Amino acid sequence: MRFYYYWIAIVAFVLDLITKKMIAAQLEIGEQISVIGNFFIITSYRNRGAAFSILQEQRAFFIIITIIIVSAIGWYIHISRNSGKAWLLTGLGLVLGGAFGNFLDRAVYGEVVDFLMFNFGSYTFPIFNIADSAICVGVACIIIDTLLNSKEDSKRIGNREDKDQNEHEQQPI
């Protein structure tokens, strides 16, 4: 499918947008709905910072950085679109959609709606949203692509060295 990486970005963005709108409309801030006991809870939380609530109240900084990142990802997708690297392009599409989802919240509302909460015993993982998930899965896809390509590069280098050695051995003196 042509330009599937942009469709992935759009799907991630739309899912994020819909779920955030549902949470904002249905739950008061701090309200919780237990999905799986105390392990998985839907909650309504607002984050004025980045991942794990770091750099609170840095709205302008995040808007500028996100514009730069989204532009860079768009450019890299454009130059990589014919590479046939499905893992890379899928990952870039997910990161693009997630980054744009959180960007929209920050630009319009000055905060991001987070709602997915997981507890592991007494430890509560930082609350996140679909955009954050898309970014994390996208980065994992990019890492997988990097690992797969490093193996292919090693094989290509090994084959080239073998070829060079054979040519050197076969040359008359």
Protein backbone atom coordinates (compact mmCIF):
# COMPACT_ATOMS: atom_id res chain seq x y z
CA MET A 1 0.00 0.00 0.00
CA ARG A 2 1.47 3.31 -1.07
CA PHE A 3 2.30 5.81 1.69
CA TYR A 4 1.17 3.35 4.40
CA TYR A 5 3.45 5.06 6.91
CA TYR A 6 1.34 8.22 6.64
CA TRP A 7 -1.82 6.17 7.15
CA ILE A 8 -0.23 4.67 10.27
CA ALA A 9 0.48 8.20 11.51
CA ILE A 10 -3.10 9.26 10.80
CA VAL A 11 -4.57 6.22 12.56
CA ALA A 12 -2.36 6.76 15.63
CA PHE A 13 -3.29 10.45 15.69
CA VAL A 14 -7.04 9.83 15.29
CA LEU A 15 -7.14 7.06 17.93
CA ASP A 16 -5.27 9.33 20.31
CA LEU A 17 -7.58 12.27 19.59
CA ILE A 18 -10.77 10.21 20.02
CA THR A 19 -9.66 8.56 23.26
CA LYS A 20 -8.51 11.87 24.78
CA LYS A 21 -11.82 13.52 23.86
CA MET A 22 -13.74 10.61 25.41
CA ILE A 23 -11.76 10.81 28.66
CA ALA A 24 -12.06 14.60 28.88
CA ALA A 25 -15.83 14.43 28.25
CA GLN A 26 -16.65 11.42 30.46
CA LEU A 27 -14.36 11.72 33.47
CA GLU A 28 -13.55 14.48 35.91
CA ILE A 29 -9.84 15.05 36.50
CA GLY A 30 -8.70 12.46 39.02
CA GLU A 31 -11.72 10.19 38.49
CA GLN A 32 -10.83 6.52 37.98
CA ILE A 33 -12.43 3.45 36.43
CA SER A 34 -10.98 0.07 37.33
CA VAL A 35 -10.50 -2.14 34.27
CA ILE A 36 -8.47 -4.99 35.76
CA GLY A 37 -8.59 -4.64 39.54
CA ASN A 38 -5.89 -2.30 40.79
CA PHE A 39 -3.53 -3.32 37.96
CA PHE A 40 -5.10 -1.38 35.05
CA ILE A 41 -7.10 1.77 35.73
CA ILE A 42 -8.52 4.36 33.35
CA THR A 43 -8.04 7.73 35.00
CA SER A 44 -8.26 11.35 33.96
CA TYR A 45 -5.00 13.23 34.37
CA ARG A 46 -3.49 16.34 32.78
CA ASN A 47 0.23 16.63 32.11
CA ARG A 48 1.81 20.01 31.46
CA GLY A 49 5.24 18.43 30.97
CA ALA A 50 6.84 15.69 28.92
CA ALA A 51 7.15 11.96 29.53
CA PHE A 52 6.92 11.08 33.21
CA SER A 53 5.79 14.69 33.87
CA ILE A 54 9.29 16.12 33.51
CA LEU A 55 9.83 19.76 32.50
CA GLN A 56 6.45 20.98 33.71
CA GLU A 57 5.12 24.28 32.33
CA GLN A 58 7.53 24.39 29.35
CA ARG A 59 4.79 24.72 26.71
CA ALA A 60 6.69 26.94 24.24
CA PHE A 61 9.75 24.70 24.46
CA PHE A 62 7.68 21.57 23.68
CA ILE A 63 5.88 23.24 20.79
CA ILE A 64 9.16 24.35 19.19
CA ILE A 65 10.87 20.98 19.76
CA THR A 66 7.86 19.07 18.43
CA ILE A 67 7.72 21.19 15.27
CA ILE A 68 11.41 20.44 14.69
CA ILE A 69 10.96 16.71 15.39
CA VAL A 70 7.82 16.35 13.25
CA SER A 71 9.55 18.19 10.40
CA ALA A 72 12.65 15.98 10.71
CA ILE A 73 10.54 12.81 10.75
CA GLY A 74 8.58 13.97 7.70
CA TRP A 75 11.83 14.70 5.87
CA TYR A 76 13.34 11.34 6.85
CA ILE A 77 10.21 9.47 5.78
CA HIS A 78 10.39 11.27 2.44
CA ILE A 79 14.00 10.27 1.78
CA SER A 80 13.48 6.72 3.09
CA ARG A 81 10.13 5.99 1.44
CA ASN A 82 11.60 3.83 -1.34
CA SER A 83 14.04 1.95 0.89
CA GLY A 84 11.69 -0.98 1.45
CA LYS A 85 12.42 -0.82 5.19
CA ALA A 86 9.01 -1.66 6.62
CA TRP A 87 10.12 -1.62 10.27
CA LEU A 88 11.71 1.81 9.90
CA LEU A 89 8.81 3.40 8.02
CA THR A 90 6.20 1.87 10.34
CA GLY A 91 8.13 3.15 13.36
CA LEU A 92 8.50 6.62 11.87
CA GLY A 93 4.77 6.69 11.09
CA LEU A 94 3.89 5.76 14.67
CA VAL A 95 6.27 8.34 16.14
CA LEU A 96 4.92 10.98 13.75
CA GLY A 97 1.28 10.28 14.69
CA GLY A 98 2.03 10.18 18.41
CA ALA A 99 4.14 13.32 18.37
CA PHE A 100 1.47 15.20 16.47
CA GLY A 101 -1.24 13.97 18.88
CA ASN A 102 0.56 15.32 21.94
CA PHE A 103 1.60 18.45 20.01
CA LEU A 104 -2.03 19.30 19.28
CA ASP A 105 -2.97 19.01 22.96
CA ARG A 106 -0.06 21.20 24.04
CA ALA A 107 -0.65 23.81 21.35
CA VAL A 108 -4.42 24.09 21.91
CA TYR A 109 -4.86 23.34 25.62
CA GLY A 110 -1.40 23.79 27.13
CA GLU A 111 -1.54 20.28 28.56
CA VAL A 112 -1.80 16.66 27.46
CA VAL A 113 -4.64 14.34 28.48
CA ASP A 114 -3.22 11.13 29.98
CA PHE A 115 -5.45 8.29 31.13
CA LEU A 116 -3.80 4.84 31.05
CA MET A 117 -2.56 3.88 34.51
CA PHE A 118 -0.86 0.62 35.46
CA ASN A 119 0.06 -0.47 38.96
CA PHE A 120 2.66 -3.11 39.70
CA GLY A 121 2.18 -3.83 43.38
CA SER A 122 2.91 -0.58 45.18
CA TYR A 123 4.56 0.97 42.10
CA THR A 124 2.40 3.07 39.77
CA PHE A 125 3.83 3.47 36.27
CA PRO A 126 3.51 7.08 35.05
CA ILE A 127 0.10 7.70 33.46
CA PHE A 128 0.20 7.87 29.65
CA ASN A 129 -1.99 7.98 26.53
CA ILE A 130 -2.29 6.46 23.04
CA ALA A 131 0.15 9.00 21.55
CA ASP A 132 2.80 8.02 24.10
CA SER A 133 2.18 4.36 23.28
CA ALA A 134 2.52 5.02 19.54
CA ILE A 135 5.80 6.84 20.12
CA CYS A 136 7.20 3.99 22.26
CA VAL A 137 6.12 1.26 19.83
CA GLY A 138 7.47 3.38 16.95
CA VAL A 139 10.86 3.73 18.62
CA ALA A 140 10.89 -0.05 19.22
CA CYS A 141 10.23 -0.60 15.48
CA ILE A 142 13.08 1.76 14.59
CA ILE A 143 15.41 -0.12 16.95
CA ILE A 144 14.36 -3.45 15.39
CA ASP A 145 15.10 -2.01 11.93
CA THR A 146 18.51 -0.83 13.14
CA LEU A 147 19.34 -4.25 14.58
CA LEU A 148 18.17 -6.08 11.45
CA ASN A 149 20.14 -3.74 9.20
CA SER A 150 23.27 -4.03 11.31
CA LYS A 151 23.17 -7.80 10.76
CA GLU A 152 22.70 -7.30 7.01
CA ASP A 153 25.51 -4.74 6.94
CA SER A 154 27.81 -7.17 8.75
CA LYS A 155 27.00 -9.87 6.21
CA ARG A 156 27.60 -7.47 3.31
CA ILE A 157 30.91 -6.35 4.76
CA GLY A 158 31.94 -9.97 5.36
CA ASN A 159 31.01 -10.94 1.79
CA ARG A 160 32.87 -7.94 0.38
CA GLU A 161 36.00 -8.80 2.40
CA ASP A 162 35.82 -12.40 1.17
CA LYS A 163 35.46 -11.21 -2.43
CA ASP A 164 38.37 -8.77 -2.06
CA GLN A 165 40.54 -11.49 -0.53
CA ASN A 166 39.70 -13.95 -3.34
CA GLU A 167 40.48 -11.34 -5.99
CA HIS A 168 43.78 -10.55 -4.30
CA GLU A 169 44.75 -14.22 -4.14
CA GLN A 170 43.88 -14.81 -7.81
CA GLN A 171 45.88 -11.90 -9.22
CA PRO A 172 49.11 -12.96 -11.01
CA ILE A 173 52.36 -11.61 -9.63
